């Protein structure tokens, strides 16, 4: 199996990082220069390189299959050996095929701006590129973290990152309250932001000064915040735009500040997803360490004892020994599975630090169209409270929201409403609200308390999500602990039954 290990290492330390770097560079070049700003010769080189990378992926799959077939493994063993390689290589080939589609679409059409579908694809390509680039680190991270001092350092680092994330959320809330007071008291925003920036650290102060300079130049507050991302949640920019259009900017800012403060309180609670992810990662690492130590050090010693005494081993013991030998001989194929908790924890920390609404995650948001439902309902309620048409909220979301799929759905709903379709039926068709929620909105509109119902419905959706997270945490923790005990118990029973039998035979 040395050949399979060599192929695996070649893929992880050469093929996957090169594919990740090329994907990131292609996406960045198109975002910086537009799809019309790529030299035709460079475009041809990109296409040829991507075809070469897809060919390399197919070759790696073929070599892995040949190595497994010619090593005369059992059907189950061959399947376990080949599945990790097939999944990872197929994922990379799929990534390269998407890059090929984007490269082939360059310099097509007359518009300089990127089409919406191409923007979504480019964002997902960049995300997958970072995943491929980080695979070598994520795969071997469990080995380094398995040592207790490093594990303790990793836990402390996770707590520090969580504290920094909460501090960033607090800065967003503080800035929103400052903007709220300034707008309500008719105080100029630029000088107040400059004064506030003098009390902040250097990096954050530079971004605040950039915001104030854009306000001095005469642009609107929503445009200035949109062009200075990271200062406030991106969904708040949509609400501010609605307030500007409907002449209720102070009310919009106050609602956004109150909502951000509530979100900050929820994030600092004990039921945060970060604590659950840390718990899963720590217990999973302990399980990985204990099982690996038993397989690598304990089981070979027992195996030698049983062979020296020519013991008749039960089926459970033989299964554990064969499984241990198989995993130790091909440990590199199972490392991606053990790296999943670390990958999830890193992603959660990134989301907590930058803010989930400030991340471009098109593939994930496309799968879950109701992620933006609470914000959408609040924005529609804001428009109706200002005695404006709900199309203002949809138009602002289609223009300022950071998620491309939300922009597309908002534009689609707006067009349907403009053509005479019912708003709630259009939102249900776009999978933003459910049938029961649409019926509730129709009833509230008939009664005349629609804004209050929309805000209550948004709060109810968020509370249901929090309850599901708490239920998941309550279920997952005992399951992980029981799994840890089951694995250790299986090893103990399988190894000590023959030992007890040998003691009885000799006595």
Protein backbone atom coordinates (compact mmCIF):
# COMPACT_ATOMS: atom_id res chain seq x y z
CA UNK A 1 0.00 0.00 0.00
CA UNK A 2 3.04 2.29 -0.14
CA UNK A 3 2.07 3.28 -3.68
CA UNK A 4 -1.38 4.41 -2.55
CA UNK A 5 0.19 6.47 0.23
CA UNK A 6 2.58 8.08 -2.27
CA UNK A 7 -0.32 8.98 -4.59
CA UNK A 8 -2.29 10.37 -1.66
CA UNK A 9 0.63 12.54 -0.45
CA UNK A 10 1.26 13.77 -4.00
CA UNK A 11 -2.37 14.84 -4.27
CA UNK A 12 -2.50 16.57 -0.89
CA UNK A 13 0.77 18.44 -1.09
CA UNK A 14 0.81 19.23 -4.82
CA UNK A 15 -2.45 18.67 -6.73
CA UNK A 16 -4.96 20.09 -4.23
CA UNK A 17 -2.94 23.23 -3.28
CA UNK A 18 -2.23 24.02 -6.95
CA UNK A 19 -5.91 23.61 -7.80
CA UNK A 20 -6.86 25.85 -4.87
CA UNK A 21 -4.37 28.58 -5.72
CA UNK A 22 -5.34 28.61 -9.41
CA UNK A 23 -9.05 28.86 -8.49
CA UNK A 24 -8.43 31.77 -6.12
CA UNK A 25 -6.27 33.61 -8.66
CA UNK A 26 -8.83 33.15 -11.44
CA UNK A 27 -11.68 34.43 -9.27
CA UNK A 28 -9.66 37.40 -8.00
CA UNK A 29 -8.55 38.42 -11.50
CA UNK A 30 -12.10 38.35 -12.83
CA UNK A 31 -13.45 40.29 -9.83
CA UNK A 32 -10.69 42.94 -10.15
CA UNK A 33 -10.76 43.38 -13.94
CA UNK A 34 -14.20 42.15 -14.98
CA UNK A 35 -14.88 39.38 -17.45
CA UNK A 36 -14.00 41.72 -20.33
CA UNK A 37 -10.61 42.64 -18.92
CA UNK A 38 -8.81 39.33 -19.53
CA UNK A 39 -6.28 39.07 -22.33
CA UNK A 40 -7.37 36.48 -24.98
CA UNK A 41 -3.99 34.73 -24.77
CA UNK A 42 -4.27 34.53 -20.97
CA UNK A 43 -7.78 33.15 -21.39
CA UNK A 44 -6.52 30.36 -23.66
CA UNK A 45 -3.72 29.56 -21.18
CA UNK A 46 -6.25 29.34 -18.34
CA UNK A 47 -8.45 26.97 -20.33
CA UNK A 48 -5.52 24.70 -21.23
CA UNK A 49 -4.26 24.69 -17.65
CA UNK A 50 -7.71 23.77 -16.30
CA UNK A 51 -8.04 20.94 -18.81
CA UNK A 52 -4.61 19.70 -17.70
CA UNK A 53 -5.68 19.80 -14.04
CA UNK A 54 -8.86 17.83 -14.80
CA UNK A 55 -6.75 15.26 -16.66
CA UNK A 56 -4.42 14.97 -13.64
CA UNK A 57 -7.40 14.36 -11.37
CA UNK A 58 -8.68 11.58 -13.61
CA UNK A 59 -5.18 10.03 -13.69
CA UNK A 60 -4.97 10.11 -9.88
CA UNK A 61 -8.34 8.38 -9.61
CA UNK A 62 -7.27 5.71 -12.09
CA UNK A 63 -3.95 5.08 -10.32
CA UNK A 64 -5.67 4.79 -6.94
CA UNK A 65 -8.16 2.26 -8.31
CA UNK A 66 -5.38 0.20 -9.91
CA UNK A 67 -3.33 0.14 -6.67
CA UNK A 68 -6.33 -1.00 -4.62
CA UNK A 69 -7.35 -3.67 -7.17
CA UNK A 70 -3.88 -5.17 -7.47
CA UNK A 71 -3.38 -5.36 -3.69
CA UNK A 72 -6.01 -8.11 -3.45
CA UNK A 73 -8.11 -6.48 -0.76
CA UNK A 74 -11.53 -7.71 0.26
CA UNK A 75 -14.54 -5.97 -1.27
CA UNK A 76 -15.22 -4.02 1.94
CA UNK A 77 -11.54 -3.14 2.38
CA UNK A 78 -11.23 -1.98 -1.24
CA UNK A 79 -14.36 0.12 -0.84
CA UNK A 80 -13.05 1.78 2.32
CA UNK A 81 -9.72 2.47 0.64
CA UNK A 82 -11.10 3.99 -2.53
CA UNK A 83 -14.07 6.04 -1.25
CA UNK A 84 -12.00 8.88 0.38
CA UNK A 85 -9.87 9.25 -2.75
CA UNK A 86 -12.88 9.23 -5.06
CA UNK A 87 -14.67 11.90 -3.00
CA UNK A 88 -11.69 14.25 -2.79
CA UNK A 89 -10.53 13.82 -6.39
CA UNK A 90 -14.08 14.15 -7.72
CA UNK A 91 -14.54 17.34 -5.69
CA UNK A 92 -11.38 18.80 -7.23
CA UNK A 93 -12.38 17.78 -10.77
CA UNK A 94 -15.78 19.40 -10.20
CA UNK A 95 -14.03 22.59 -9.03
CA UNK A 96 -11.80 22.63 -12.09
CA UNK A 97 -14.79 22.07 -14.39
CA UNK A 98 -16.53 25.11 -12.85
CA UNK A 99 -13.36 27.16 -13.38
CA UNK A 100 -13.32 25.96 -16.99
CA UNK A 101 -16.93 27.13 -17.47
CA UNK A 102 -16.06 30.55 -16.06
CA UNK A 103 -12.87 30.86 -18.13
CA UNK A 104 -14.76 29.84 -21.26
CA UNK A 105 -17.38 32.57 -20.56
CA UNK A 106 -14.76 35.35 -20.37
CA UNK A 107 -14.93 38.14 -22.97
CA UNK A 108 -18.41 36.99 -23.94
CA UNK A 109 -21.13 39.61 -24.39
CA UNK A 110 -20.97 43.39 -24.53
CA UNK A 111 -21.43 44.26 -20.84
CA UNK A 112 -18.37 44.98 -18.74
CA UNK A 113 -20.09 44.18 -15.44
CA UNK A 114 -20.21 40.53 -14.48
CA UNK A 115 -23.57 38.78 -14.99
CA UNK A 116 -25.29 37.78 -11.74
CA UNK A 117 -24.97 34.04 -12.42
CA UNK A 118 -21.26 34.44 -13.13
CA UNK A 119 -20.78 36.40 -9.88
CA UNK A 120 -22.37 33.59 -7.85
CA UNK A 121 -20.21 30.98 -9.54
CA UNK A 122 -17.03 33.01 -9.00
CA UNK A 123 -17.75 33.43 -5.29
CA UNK A 124 -18.29 29.68 -4.84
CA UNK A 125 -15.13 28.97 -6.84
CA UNK A 126 -13.12 31.19 -4.51
CA UNK A 127 -14.55 29.49 -1.42
CA UNK A 128 -13.80 26.00 -2.79
CA UNK A 129 -10.33 27.21 -3.76
CA UNK A 130 -9.55 28.16 -0.16
CA UNK A 131 -10.86 24.77 0.98
CA UNK A 132 -8.54 22.95 -1.43
CA UNK A 133 -5.62 25.14 -0.41
CA UNK A 134 -6.26 24.41 3.27
CA UNK A 135 -6.72 20.64 2.88
CA UNK A 136 -3.09 19.71 3.79
CA UNK A 137 -3.36 21.70 7.03
CA UNK A 138 -6.85 20.46 7.89
CA UNK A 139 -5.96 16.82 7.23
CA UNK A 140 -2.89 16.75 9.45
CA UNK A 141 -4.22 19.17 12.06
CA UNK A 142 -5.74 16.37 14.21
CA UNK A 143 -2.30 14.75 14.56
CA UNK A 144 -0.70 17.93 15.91
CA UNK A 145 -3.68 18.86 18.10
CA UNK A 146 -3.89 15.35 19.57
CA UNK A 147 -1.15 16.18 22.05
CA UNK A 148 -2.71 17.58 25.22
CA UNK A 149 -0.61 20.80 25.50
CA UNK A 150 -1.43 21.72 21.90
CA UNK A 151 -5.06 20.84 22.49
CA UNK A 152 -5.13 23.16 25.49
CA UNK A 153 -3.52 25.91 23.43
CA UNK A 154 -6.10 25.35 20.69
CA UNK A 155 -8.95 25.69 23.19
CA UNK A 156 -7.47 28.92 24.58
CA UNK A 157 -7.04 30.26 21.04
CA UNK A 158 -10.67 29.44 20.24
CA UNK A 159 -11.83 31.34 23.34
CA UNK A 160 -9.69 34.35 22.40
CA UNK A 161 -11.08 34.38 18.87
CA UNK A 162 -14.59 34.22 20.29
CA UNK A 163 -13.84 37.19 22.56
CA UNK A 164 -12.48 39.17 19.60
CA UNK A 165 -15.60 38.31 17.60
CA UNK A 166 -17.85 39.57 20.39
CA UNK A 167 -15.78 42.74 20.58
CA UNK A 168 -16.29 43.30 16.86
CA UNK A 169 -20.06 42.83 17.25
CA UNK A 170 -19.97 45.33 20.12
CA UNK A 171 -18.20 47.87 17.89
CA UNK A 172 -20.91 47.44 15.26
CA UNK A 173 -23.63 48.05 17.85
CA UNK A 174 -21.79 51.06 19.25
CA UNK A 175 -21.39 52.63 15.80
CA UNK A 176 -25.06 52.10 14.98
CA UNK A 177 -26.13 53.81 18.21
CA UNK A 178 -23.80 56.73 17.41
CA UNK A 179 -25.33 57.07 13.93
CA UNK A 180 -28.82 56.83 15.44
CA UNK A 181 -28.25 59.67 17.91
CA UNK A 182 -26.61 61.86 15.25
CA UNK A 183 -29.46 61.41 12.76
CA UNK A 184 -32.19 61.91 15.37
CA UNK A 185 -30.51 65.09 16.72
CA UNK A 186 -29.59 66.41 13.24
CA UNK A 187 -25.88 66.31 14.08
CA UNK A 188 -23.46 66.09 11.09
CA UNK A 189 -22.19 62.53 10.77
CA UNK A 190 -18.69 63.22 9.42
CA UNK A 191 -17.26 65.23 12.37
CA UNK A 192 -18.86 62.92 14.95
CA UNK A 193 -17.40 59.83 13.29
CA UNK A 194 -13.97 61.49 13.17
CA UNK A 195 -14.17 62.30 16.88
CA UNK A 196 -15.30 58.74 17.66
CA UNK A 197 -12.50 57.31 15.49
CA UNK A 198 -9.83 59.04 17.62
CA UNK A 199 -10.72 56.76 20.55
CA UNK A 200 -10.42 53.52 18.54
CA UNK A 201 -7.45 51.27 17.66
CA UNK A 202 -5.48 52.10 14.53
CA UNK A 203 -6.98 49.57 12.11
CA UNK A 204 -10.57 50.27 13.11
CA UNK A 205 -9.86 54.02 13.18
CA UNK A 206 -8.66 53.91 9.56
CA UNK A 207 -11.92 52.29 8.42
CA UNK A 208 -13.99 54.85 10.33
CA UNK A 209 -12.01 57.69 8.75
CA UNK A 210 -12.62 56.14 5.34
CA UNK A 211 -16.36 56.10 6.11
CA UNK A 212 -16.33 59.75 7.17
CA UNK A 213 -14.38 60.78 4.06
CA UNK A 214 -17.03 59.18 1.88
CA UNK A 215 -19.74 61.00 3.80
CA UNK A 216 -17.85 64.28 3.32
CA UNK A 217 -17.81 63.61 -0.43
CA UNK A 218 -21.61 63.72 -0.44
CA UNK A 219 -22.62 60.05 -0.84
CA UNK A 220 -25.52 58.64 1.14
CA UNK A 221 -24.98 56.78 4.41
CA UNK A 222 -26.10 53.45 2.92
CA UNK A 223 -23.70 53.82 -0.01
CA UNK A 224 -20.82 54.81 2.28
CA UNK A 225 -21.43 51.81 4.57
CA UNK A 226 -21.79 49.48 1.59
CA UNK A 227 -18.45 50.69 0.19
CA UNK A 228 -16.82 50.27 3.63
CA UNK A 229 -17.80 46.67 4.47
CA UNK A 230 -17.39 45.22 7.94
CA UNK A 231 -18.41 48.27 9.97
CA UNK A 232 -22.05 47.19 10.32
CA UNK A 233 -23.92 44.02 9.29
CA UNK A 234 -24.70 44.05 5.58
CA UNK A 235 -28.40 43.44 6.23
CA UNK A 236 -28.42 46.69 8.20
CA UNK A 237 -27.29 48.58 5.10
CA UNK A 238 -30.51 47.46 3.37
CA UNK A 239 -32.61 48.80 6.27
CA UNK A 240 -30.72 52.11 6.19
CA UNK A 241 -31.38 52.40 2.46
CA UNK A 242 -35.10 51.86 3.05
CA UNK A 243 -35.02 54.57 5.71
CA UNK A 244 -33.34 56.98 3.30
CA UNK A 245 -35.89 56.37 0.57
CA UNK A 246 -38.86 56.65 2.95
CA UNK A 247 -37.46 59.61 4.97
CA UNK A 248 -37.39 57.53 8.17
CA UNK A 249 -33.63 57.13 8.53
CA UNK A 250 -33.62 57.76 12.29
CA UNK A 251 -36.23 55.09 12.93
CA UNK A 252 -34.40 52.64 10.65
CA UNK A 253 -31.11 53.21 12.46
CA UNK A 254 -32.73 52.82 15.88
CA UNK A 255 -34.38 49.54 14.88
CA UNK A 256 -31.07 48.28 13.46
CA UNK A 257 -29.18 49.29 16.62
CA UNK A 258 -31.73 47.57 18.89
CA UNK A 259 -31.65 44.42 16.75
CA UNK A 260 -27.83 44.36 16.73
CA UNK A 261 -27.73 44.73 20.52
CA UNK A 262 -30.14 41.81 20.91
CA UNK A 263 -28.03 39.69 18.56
CA UNK A 264 -24.92 40.54 20.57
CA UNK A 265 -26.64 39.35 23.76
CA UNK A 266 -27.67 36.08 22.10
CA UNK A 267 -24.16 35.46 20.74
CA UNK A 268 -22.64 35.88 24.19
CA UNK A 269 -24.95 33.26 25.68
CA UNK A 270 -23.91 29.78 26.67
CA UNK A 271 -25.88 28.16 23.84
CA UNK A 272 -23.71 29.73 21.17
CA UNK A 273 -22.78 27.47 18.27
CA UNK A 274 -19.12 28.22 18.98
CA UNK A 275 -19.22 26.48 22.37
CA UNK A 276 -20.93 23.48 20.80
CA UNK A 277 -18.30 23.33 18.06
CA UNK A 278 -15.47 23.57 20.60
CA UNK A 279 -17.05 20.79 22.66
CA UNK A 280 -17.41 18.52 19.60
CA UNK A 281 -13.83 19.24 18.51
CA UNK A 282 -12.30 18.60 21.93
CA UNK A 283 -14.19 15.37 22.60
CA UNK A 284 -13.63 14.21 19.01
CA UNK A 285 -9.89 14.84 19.39
CA UNK A 286 -9.83 12.86 22.64
CA UNK A 287 -11.68 10.01 20.92
CA UNK A 288 -9.25 10.12 17.99
CA UNK A 289 -6.24 10.14 20.34
CA UNK A 290 -7.43 7.26 22.53
CA UNK A 291 -8.49 5.07 19.61
CA UNK A 292 -5.28 5.82 17.71
CA UNK A 293 -3.10 5.00 20.73
CA UNK A 294 -4.91 1.70 21.32
CA UNK A 295 -4.66 0.71 17.64
CA UNK A 296 -1.01 1.69 17.25
CA UNK A 297 0.47 0.61 20.61
CA UNK A 298 -1.84 -1.69 22.58
CA UNK A 299 -3.40 -3.99 19.98
CA UNK A 300 -0.05 -5.12 18.40
CA UNK A 301 1.16 -6.16 21.88
CA UNK A 302 -1.98 -8.20 22.53
CA UNK A 303 -1.78 -9.65 19.04
CA UNK A 304 1.75 -10.93 19.71
CA UNK A 305 0.63 -12.46 23.03
CA UNK A 306 -2.25 -14.30 21.35
CA UNK A 307 0.00 -15.56 18.54
CA UNK A 308 2.66 -16.80 21.01
CA UNK A 309 0.06 -18.81 22.93
CA UNK A 310 -1.73 -19.91 19.75
CA UNK A 311 -5.03 -18.74 21.26
CA UNK A 312 -8.35 -19.40 19.59
CA UNK A 313 -9.66 -15.86 19.18
CA UNK A 314 -13.38 -14.97 19.10
CA UNK A 315 -14.89 -13.18 16.13
CA UNK A 316 -15.06 -9.82 17.92
CA UNK A 317 -11.35 -9.89 18.72
CA UNK A 318 -10.39 -10.86 15.16
CA UNK A 319 -12.56 -8.06 13.80
CA UNK A 320 -10.95 -5.46 16.07
CA UNK A 321 -7.43 -6.67 15.23
CA UNK A 322 -8.06 -6.71 11.47
CA UNK A 323 -9.75 -3.31 11.58
CA UNK A 324 -6.86 -1.88 13.60
CA UNK A 325 -4.26 -3.25 11.18
CA UNK A 326 -6.24 -1.88 8.24
CA UNK A 327 -6.61 1.64 9.68
CA UNK A 328 -2.98 1.88 10.86
CA UNK A 329 -1.71 0.72 7.46
CA UNK A 330 -3.90 3.24 5.61
CA UNK A 331 -4.26 5.96 8.25
CA UNK A 332 -3.72 8.77 5.72
CA UNK A 333 -7.02 7.94 4.02
CA UNK A 334 -9.02 8.46 7.21
CA UNK A 335 -7.46 11.75 8.30
CA UNK A 336 -9.91 13.87 6.24
CA UNK A 337 -12.77 12.37 8.29
CA UNK A 338 -11.09 13.29 11.58
CA UNK A 339 -10.42 16.83 10.32
CA UNK A 340 -14.15 17.61 9.87
CA UNK A 341 -14.65 19.01 13.43
CA UNK A 342 -11.67 21.34 13.00
CA UNK A 343 -12.96 22.50 9.63
CA UNK A 344 -16.38 23.29 11.09
CA UNK A 345 -14.83 25.11 14.05
CA UNK A 346 -12.65 27.26 11.78
CA UNK A 347 -15.65 28.13 9.60
CA UNK A 348 -17.75 29.04 12.65
CA UNK A 349 -14.97 31.30 13.96
CA UNK A 350 -14.74 33.02 10.56
CA UNK A 351 -18.49 33.55 10.52
CA UNK A 352 -18.51 34.90 14.08
CA UNK A 353 -15.65 37.28 13.41
CA UNK A 354 -16.69 38.74 10.07
CA UNK A 355 -20.44 38.33 10.65
CA UNK A 356 -22.45 35.74 8.74
CA UNK A 357 -24.30 38.39 6.76
CA UNK A 358 -20.93 39.89 5.70
CA UNK A 359 -19.63 36.65 4.16
CA UNK A 360 -20.18 35.71 0.56
CA UNK A 361 -21.22 32.05 0.83
CA UNK A 362 -23.39 31.62 -2.28
CA UNK A 363 -23.60 27.84 -2.36
CA UNK A 364 -24.66 27.58 1.29
CA UNK A 365 -27.20 30.40 1.10
CA UNK A 366 -28.67 28.95 -2.10
CA UNK A 367 -29.36 25.66 -0.32
CA UNK A 368 -31.07 27.48 2.57
CA UNK A 369 -33.20 30.29 1.11
CA UNK A 370 -34.87 31.03 4.47
CA UNK A 371 -31.64 32.23 6.10
CA UNK A 372 -32.52 35.82 5.21
CA UNK A 373 -36.25 35.49 5.99
CA UNK A 374 -36.24 37.38 9.36
CA UNK A 375 -34.36 40.34 7.86
CA UNK A 376 -36.62 40.33 4.80
CA UNK A 377 -39.77 40.42 6.94
CA UNK A 378 -38.41 43.25 9.10
CA UNK A 379 -37.46 45.27 6.02
CA UNK A 380 -40.94 44.87 4.55
CA UNK A 381 -42.44 45.87 7.91
CA UNK A 382 -40.17 48.92 7.93
CA UNK A 383 -41.41 49.98 4.48
CA UNK A 384 -45.06 49.49 5.41
CA UNK A 385 -44.62 51.37 8.73
CA UNK A 386 -43.28 54.32 6.73
CA UNK A 387 -46.42 54.13 4.54
CA UNK A 388 -44.38 53.06 1.53
CA UNK A 389 -44.76 50.22 -0.91
CA UNK A 390 -43.01 46.91 0.02
CA UNK A 391 -41.22 47.07 -3.33
CA UNK A 392 -38.87 49.61 -1.71
CA UNK A 393 -37.58 46.90 0.64
CA UNK A 394 -37.22 44.42 -2.22
CA UNK A 395 -35.48 46.97 -4.42
CA UNK A 396 -33.04 47.91 -1.63
CA UNK A 397 -32.24 44.23 -0.96
CA UNK A 398 -31.69 43.54 -4.67
CA UNK A 399 -29.25 46.47 -4.80
CA UNK A 400 -27.36 46.42 -1.48
CA UNK A 401 -27.54 42.89 -0.06
CA UNK A 402 -24.21 41.07 -0.12
CA UNK A 403 -25.60 37.61 -0.93
CA UNK A 404 -26.10 37.19 -4.65
CA UNK A 405 -28.94 34.67 -4.34
CA UNK A 406 -30.84 37.07 -2.04
CA UNK A 407 -30.42 39.83 -4.62
CA UNK A 408 -31.74 37.54 -7.34
CA UNK A 409 -34.74 36.38 -5.31
CA UNK A 410 -35.57 39.94 -4.21
CA UNK A 411 -35.49 41.16 -7.80
CA UNK A 412 -37.66 38.25 -8.89
CA UNK A 413 -40.24 38.91 -6.16
CA UNK A 414 -40.27 42.62 -6.98
CA UNK A 415 -40.91 41.91 -10.66
CA UNK A 416 -43.74 39.53 -9.80
CA UNK A 417 -45.36 42.11 -7.51
CA UNK A 418 -45.02 44.83 -10.15
CA UNK A 419 -46.79 42.52 -12.60
CA UNK A 420 -49.78 42.29 -10.24
CA UNK A 421 -49.04 39.10 -8.27
CA UNK A 422 -49.73 39.03 -4.54
CA UNK A 423 -46.67 39.84 -2.42
CA UNK A 424 -47.06 36.90 -0.05
CA UNK A 425 -47.63 34.43 -2.88
CA UNK A 426 -44.47 35.74 -4.54
CA UNK A 427 -42.46 35.36 -1.32
CA UNK A 428 -43.81 31.83 -0.91
CA UNK A 429 -42.92 31.02 -4.52
CA UNK A 430 -39.35 32.21 -3.83
CA UNK A 431 -39.27 29.92 -0.72
CA UNK A 432 -38.70 32.90 1.56
CA UNK A 433 -41.83 32.21 3.65
CA UNK A 434 -43.92 29.07 4.10
CA UNK A 435 -47.57 28.58 3.21
CA UNK A 436 -48.74 29.04 6.81
CA UNK A 437 -46.66 32.21 7.17
CA UNK A 438 -48.12 33.57 3.92
CA UNK A 439 -51.65 32.90 5.20
CA UNK A 440 -50.80 34.67 8.47
CA UNK A 441 -49.52 37.71 6.57
CA UNK A 442 -52.69 37.83 4.44
CA UNK A 443 -54.82 37.79 7.60
CA UNK A 444 -52.70 40.47 9.28
CA UNK A 445 -52.92 42.66 6.18
CA UNK A 446 -56.71 42.33 6.21
CA UNK A 447 -56.91 43.18 9.91
CA UNK A 448 -54.49 46.12 9.66
CA UNK A 449 -51.64 45.16 12.01
CA UNK A 450 -49.22 43.85 9.36
CA UNK A 451 -45.97 45.52 10.55
CA UNK A 452 -46.36 44.18 14.09
CA UNK A 453 -47.13 40.68 12.80
CA UNK A 454 -44.15 40.71 10.42
CA UNK A 455 -41.75 41.70 13.22
CA UNK A 456 -43.24 39.09 15.56
CA UNK A 457 -42.99 36.45 12.83
CA UNK A 458 -39.31 37.33 12.21
CA UNK A 459 -38.60 37.03 15.95
CA UNK A 460 -40.46 33.71 16.09
CA UNK A 461 -38.37 32.29 13.24
CA UNK A 462 -35.14 33.29 15.00
CA UNK A 463 -36.33 31.81 18.29
CA UNK A 464 -37.17 28.52 16.58
CA UNK A 465 -33.64 28.40 15.18
CA UNK A 466 -32.17 29.01 18.62
CA UNK A 467 -34.35 26.27 20.13
CA UNK A 468 -33.23 23.82 17.43
CA UNK A 469 -29.62 24.69 18.21
CA UNK A 470 -30.15 24.07 21.91
CA UNK A 471 -31.87 20.75 21.19
CA UNK A 472 -29.00 19.77 18.90
CA UNK A 473 -26.49 20.64 21.62
CA UNK A 474 -28.40 18.68 24.25
CA UNK A 475 -28.59 15.64 21.97
CA UNK A 476 -25.10 15.78 20.53
CA UNK A 477 -23.15 16.00 23.78
CA UNK A 478 -24.37 12.71 25.32
CA UNK A 479 -24.14 11.00 21.92
CA UNK A 480 -20.47 11.95 21.62
CA UNK A 481 -19.69 10.85 25.17
CA UNK A 482 -21.52 7.53 24.66
CA UNK A 483 -19.65 6.99 21.39
CA UNK A 484 -16.36 7.57 23.17
CA UNK A 485 -17.30 5.05 25.87
CA UNK A 486 -18.58 2.55 23.28
CA UNK A 487 -15.34 2.63 21.27
CA UNK A 488 -13.15 2.21 24.34
CA UNK A 489 -15.47 -0.48 25.72
CA UNK A 490 -15.39 -2.38 22.43
CA UNK A 491 -11.60 -2.43 22.49
CA UNK A 492 -11.50 -3.52 26.13
CA UNK A 493 -14.04 -6.33 25.72
CA UNK A 494 -12.52 -7.63 22.48
CA UNK A 495 -9.02 -7.73 23.92
CA UNK A 496 -9.69 -8.97 27.42
CA UNK A 497 -12.03 -11.85 26.56
CA UNK A 498 -9.11 -13.89 25.07
CA UNK A 499 -6.90 -12.87 28.03
CA UNK A 500 -9.50 -14.17 30.50
CA UNK A 501 -9.85 -17.34 28.42
CA UNK A 502 -6.06 -17.88 28.53
CA UNK A 503 -6.03 -17.41 32.31
CA UNK A 504 -8.75 -20.04 32.72
CA UNK A 505 -6.91 -22.45 30.38
CA UNK A 506 -3.67 -22.16 32.35
CA UNK A 507 -5.38 -22.47 35.70
